[in-house]
C-alpha atoms as a PDB file:
ATOM      1  CA  MET A   1      -4.137 -62.152   4.489  1.00  0.00           C
ATOM      2  CA  SER A   2      -2.564 -60.184   7.287  1.00  0.00           C
ATOM      3  CA  SER A   3      -2.865 -56.426   7.425  1.00  0.00           C
ATOM      4  CA  ALA A   4       0.040 -56.076   9.849  1.00  0.00           C
ATOM      5  CA  PRO A   5       2.561 -53.435   8.798  1.00  0.00           C
ATOM      6  CA  ARG A   6       5.780 -54.704   7.281  1.00  0.00           C
ATOM      7  CA  PRO A   7       8.963 -53.881   9.168  1.00  0.00           C
ATOM      8  CA  SER A   8      11.114 -51.108   7.784  1.00  0.00           C
ATOM      9  CA  PRO A   9      13.873 -52.141   5.339  1.00  0.00           C
ATOM     10  CA  GLN A  10      16.527 -51.293   7.933  1.00  0.00           C
ATOM     11  CA  ARG A  11      15.321 -54.241  10.028  1.00  0.00           C
ATOM     12  CA  TYR A  12      16.215 -56.741   7.347  1.00  0.00           C
ATOM     13  CA  PRO A  13      19.730 -58.168   7.769  1.00  0.00           C
ATOM     14  CA  ALA A  14      20.485 -57.783   4.044  1.00  0.00           C
ATOM     15  CA  ALA A  15      20.065 -54.006   4.198  1.00  0.00           C
ATOM     16  CA  ARG A  16      22.200 -53.775   7.337  1.00  0.00           C
ATOM     17  CA  ILE A  17      24.904 -55.961   5.804  1.00  0.00           C
ATOM     18  CA  ALA A  18      24.944 -53.910   2.583  1.00  0.00           C
ATOM     19  CA  LEU A  19      25.202 -50.656   4.571  1.00  0.00           C
ATOM     20  CA  TRP A  20      28.099 -51.964   6.646  1.00  0.00           C
ATOM     21  CA  GLN A  21      29.835 -53.229   3.515  1.00  0.00           C
ATOM     22  CA  VAL A  22      29.448 -49.884   1.752  1.00  0.00           C
ATOM     23  CA  LEU A  23      30.873 -48.071   4.782  1.00  0.00           C
ATOM     24  CA  ALA A  24      33.769 -50.530   4.991  1.00  0.00           C
ATOM     25  CA  SER A  25      34.382 -50.068   1.254  1.00  0.00           C
ATOM     26  CA  ALA A  26      34.565 -46.320   1.751  1.00  0.00           C
ATOM     27  CA  VAL A  27      37.113 -46.749   4.549  1.00  0.00           C
ATOM     28  CA  VAL A  28      39.249 -49.103   2.456  1.00  0.00           C
ATOM     29  CA  ALA A  29      38.966 -46.745  -0.531  1.00  0.00           C
ATOM     30  CA  SER A  30      40.156 -43.859   1.659  1.00  0.00           C
ATOM     31  CA  LEU A  31      43.118 -45.875   2.891  1.00  0.00           C
ATOM     32  CA  GLY A  32      43.851 -47.072  -0.638  1.00  0.00           C
ATOM     33  CA  GLY A  33      43.746 -43.487  -1.863  1.00  0.00           C
ATOM     34  CA  TRP A  34      46.149 -42.389   0.845  1.00  0.00           C
ATOM     35  CA  TRP A  35      48.453 -45.327   0.095  1.00  0.00           C
ATOM     36  CA  ALA A  36      48.394 -45.426  -3.730  1.00  0.00           C
ATOM     37  CA  GLY A  37      46.527 -42.361  -4.948  1.00  0.00           C
ATOM     38  CA  TRP A  38      43.442 -42.221  -7.125  1.00  0.00           C
ATOM     39  CA  HIS A  39      43.806 -45.758  -8.502  1.00  0.00           C
ATOM     40  CA  GLY A  40      44.216 -47.127  -4.981  1.00  0.00           C
ATOM     41  CA  ALA A  41      40.940 -45.495  -3.933  1.00  0.00           C
ATOM     42  CA  VAL A  42      39.074 -46.796  -6.979  1.00  0.00           C
ATOM     43  CA  SER A  43      40.556 -50.273  -6.523  1.00  0.00           C
ATOM     44  CA  GLY A  44      39.544 -50.429  -2.862  1.00  0.00           C
ATOM     45  CA  LEU A  45      36.042 -49.292  -3.699  1.00  0.00           C
ATOM     46  CA  LEU A  46      35.721 -51.827  -6.514  1.00  0.00           C
ATOM     47  CA  GLY A  47      36.920 -54.626  -4.236  1.00  0.00           C
ATOM     48  CA  GLY A  48      34.204 -53.788  -1.745  1.00  0.00           C
ATOM     49  CA  LEU A  49      31.498 -53.326  -4.330  1.00  0.00           C
ATOM     50  CA  VAL A  50      32.092 -56.849  -5.634  1.00  0.00           C
ATOM     51  CA  ASN A  51      30.684 -58.223  -2.377  1.00  0.00           C
ATOM     52  CA  VAL A  52      27.965 -55.600  -2.064  1.00  0.00           C
ATOM     53  CA  SER A  53      26.561 -56.369  -5.505  1.00  0.00           C
ATOM     54  CA  ALA A  54      26.855 -60.133  -4.962  1.00  0.00           C
ATOM     55  CA  GLY A  55      24.939 -59.764  -1.697  1.00  0.00           C
ATOM     56  CA  VAL A  56      22.227 -57.810  -3.489  1.00  0.00           C
ATOM     57  CA  VAL A  57      21.927 -60.586  -6.084  1.00  0.00           C
ATOM     58  CA  PHE A  58      21.661 -63.163  -3.285  1.00  0.00           C
ATOM     59  CA  ALA A  59      18.974 -61.177  -1.436  1.00  0.00           C
ATOM     60  CA  MET A  60      16.946 -60.582  -4.607  1.00  0.00           C
ATOM     61  CA  LEU A  61      16.975 -64.261  -5.573  1.00  0.00           C
ATOM     62  CA  VAL A  62      15.922 -65.352  -2.095  1.00  0.00           C
ATOM     63  CA  TRP A  63      13.178 -62.725  -2.012  1.00  0.00           C
ATOM     64  CA  LEU A  64      11.915 -63.616  -5.487  1.00  0.00           C
ATOM     65  CA  GLY A  65      12.030 -67.349  -4.715  1.00  0.00           C
ATOM     66  CA  ARG A  66       9.373 -67.204  -1.975  1.00  0.00           C
ATOM     67  CA  PRO A  67       9.684 -70.905  -1.168  1.00  0.00           C
ATOM     68  CA  ALA A  68       6.611 -72.687   0.182  1.00  0.00           C
ATOM     69  CA  SER A  69       8.306 -75.633   1.899  1.00  0.00           C
ATOM     70  CA  PRO A  70      11.517 -76.323   3.810  1.00  0.00           C
ATOM     71  CA  ALA A  71      12.927 -78.239   0.833  1.00  0.00           C
ATOM     72  CA  ALA A  72      12.147 -75.349  -1.494  1.00  0.00           C
ATOM     73  CA  THR A  73      13.827 -72.976   0.976  1.00  0.00           C
ATOM     74  CA  VAL A  74      17.043 -74.995   0.885  1.00  0.00           C
ATOM     75  CA  SER A  75      16.889 -75.179  -2.910  1.00  0.00           C
ATOM     76  CA  THR A  76      16.358 -71.422  -3.163  1.00  0.00           C
ATOM     77  CA  MET A  77      19.252 -70.711  -0.814  1.00  0.00           C
ATOM     78  CA  ILE A  78      21.591 -73.003  -2.757  1.00  0.00           C
ATOM     79  CA  ARG A  79      20.646 -71.351  -6.081  1.00  0.00           C
ATOM     80  CA  ALA A  80      21.087 -67.893  -4.574  1.00  0.00           C
ATOM     81  CA  GLU A  81      24.489 -68.812  -3.106  1.00  0.00           C
ATOM     82  CA  ALA A  82      25.618 -70.265  -6.442  1.00  0.00           C
ATOM     83  CA  ALA A  83      24.563 -67.060  -8.200  1.00  0.00           C
ATOM     84  CA  LYS A  84      26.390 -64.992  -5.580  1.00  0.00           C
ATOM     85  CA  ILE A  85      29.608 -66.966  -6.115  1.00  0.00           C
ATOM     86  CA  ALA A  86      29.263 -66.654  -9.901  1.00  0.00           C
ATOM     87  CA  VAL A  87      28.767 -62.875  -9.610  1.00  0.00           C
ATOM     88  CA  ILE A  88      31.855 -62.584  -7.393  1.00  0.00           C
ATOM     89  CA  VAL A  89      34.052 -64.630  -9.736  1.00  0.00           C
ATOM     90  CA  LEU A  90      32.856 -62.767 -12.844  1.00  0.00           C
ATOM     91  CA  GLN A  91      33.291 -59.337 -11.263  1.00  0.00           C
ATOM     92  CA  ILE A  92      36.787 -60.120  -9.977  1.00  0.00           C
ATOM     93  CA  TRP A  93      37.723 -61.402 -13.426  1.00  0.00           C
ATOM     94  CA  PHE A  94      36.218 -58.322 -15.086  1.00  0.00           C
ATOM     95  CA  VAL A  95      38.021 -55.844 -12.819  1.00  0.00           C
ATOM     96  CA  LEU A  96      41.384 -57.599 -13.032  1.00  0.00           C
ATOM     97  CA  THR A  97      41.247 -57.907 -16.825  1.00  0.00           C
ATOM     98  CA  SER A  98      39.764 -54.537 -17.731  1.00  0.00           C
ATOM     99  CA  TYR A  99      41.193 -52.075 -15.178  1.00  0.00           C
ATOM    100  CA  ARG A 100      44.882 -51.908 -16.065  1.00  0.00           C
ATOM    101  CA  GLU A 101      45.818 -49.582 -13.192  1.00  0.00           C
ATOM    102  CA  VAL A 102      44.171 -51.707 -10.495  1.00  0.00           C
ATOM    103  CA  VAL A 103      46.072 -51.654  -7.212  1.00  0.00           C
ATOM    104  CA  HIS A 104      45.881 -55.318  -6.288  1.00  0.00           C
ATOM    105  CA  GLY A 105      46.495 -54.790  -2.574  1.00  0.00           C
ATOM    106  CA  ALA A 106      43.697 -52.244  -2.239  1.00  0.00           C
ATOM    107  CA  PHE A 107      41.338 -54.308  -4.389  1.00  0.00           C
ATOM    108  CA  LEU A 108      41.878 -57.464  -2.360  1.00  0.00           C
ATOM    109  CA  ALA A 109      41.726 -55.522   0.912  1.00  0.00           C
ATOM    110  CA  GLY A 110      38.337 -54.102  -0.071  1.00  0.00           C
ATOM    111  CA  PHE A 111      37.106 -57.555  -0.996  1.00  0.00           C
ATOM    112  CA  ILE A 112      38.373 -59.260   2.174  1.00  0.00           C
ATOM    113  CA  VAL A 113      37.207 -56.511   4.531  1.00  0.00           C
ATOM    114  CA  THR A 114      33.668 -56.606   3.136  1.00  0.00           C
ATOM    115  CA  VAL A 115      33.574 -60.401   3.522  1.00  0.00           C
ATOM    116  CA  LEU A 116      34.572 -60.045   7.182  1.00  0.00           C
ATOM    117  CA  VAL A 117      32.153 -57.164   7.771  1.00  0.00           C
ATOM    118  CA  SER A 118      29.258 -59.163   6.324  1.00  0.00           C
ATOM    119  CA  GLN A 119      29.916 -61.922   8.840  1.00  0.00           C
ATOM    120  CA  ALA A 120      30.095 -59.447  11.725  1.00  0.00           C
ATOM    121  CA  ALA A 121      26.979 -57.537  10.628  1.00  0.00           C
ATOM    122  CA  ILE A 122      24.888 -60.696  10.775  1.00  0.00           C
ATOM    123  CA  LEU A 123      25.674 -61.067  14.479  1.00  0.00           C
ATOM    124  CA  ILE A 124      24.631 -57.524  15.430  1.00  0.00           C
ATOM    125  CA  ARG A 125      21.005 -57.114  16.475  1.00  0.00           C
ATOM    126  CA  ASP A 126      18.822 -54.187  15.455  1.00  0.00           C
END
């Protein structure tokens, strides 16, 4: 058992991606608020939080899986990705059916921007 110190959470890509997504959600919410008022801001924030929460689910499942072999790693990643997609679909459905004043443009903008930011954040080194 190694006694080497664990790297800080900021060094993990999942934490960096979540931070970038939250910041992007805040920007989209601000623009949505300017464009469509209070409901635009809430819609933009909800659109971004769909991806943030799905990413957290993915990271937790991968972390809890702790695969011991390459085959188990692939299996864990596939299960985590399937759970992430299910969380996204269910949250989009929930928001669109329960929030009557949703501003669709702001909601979708928040969702799309956080997808793009997650891809960009992976490429940036610590």
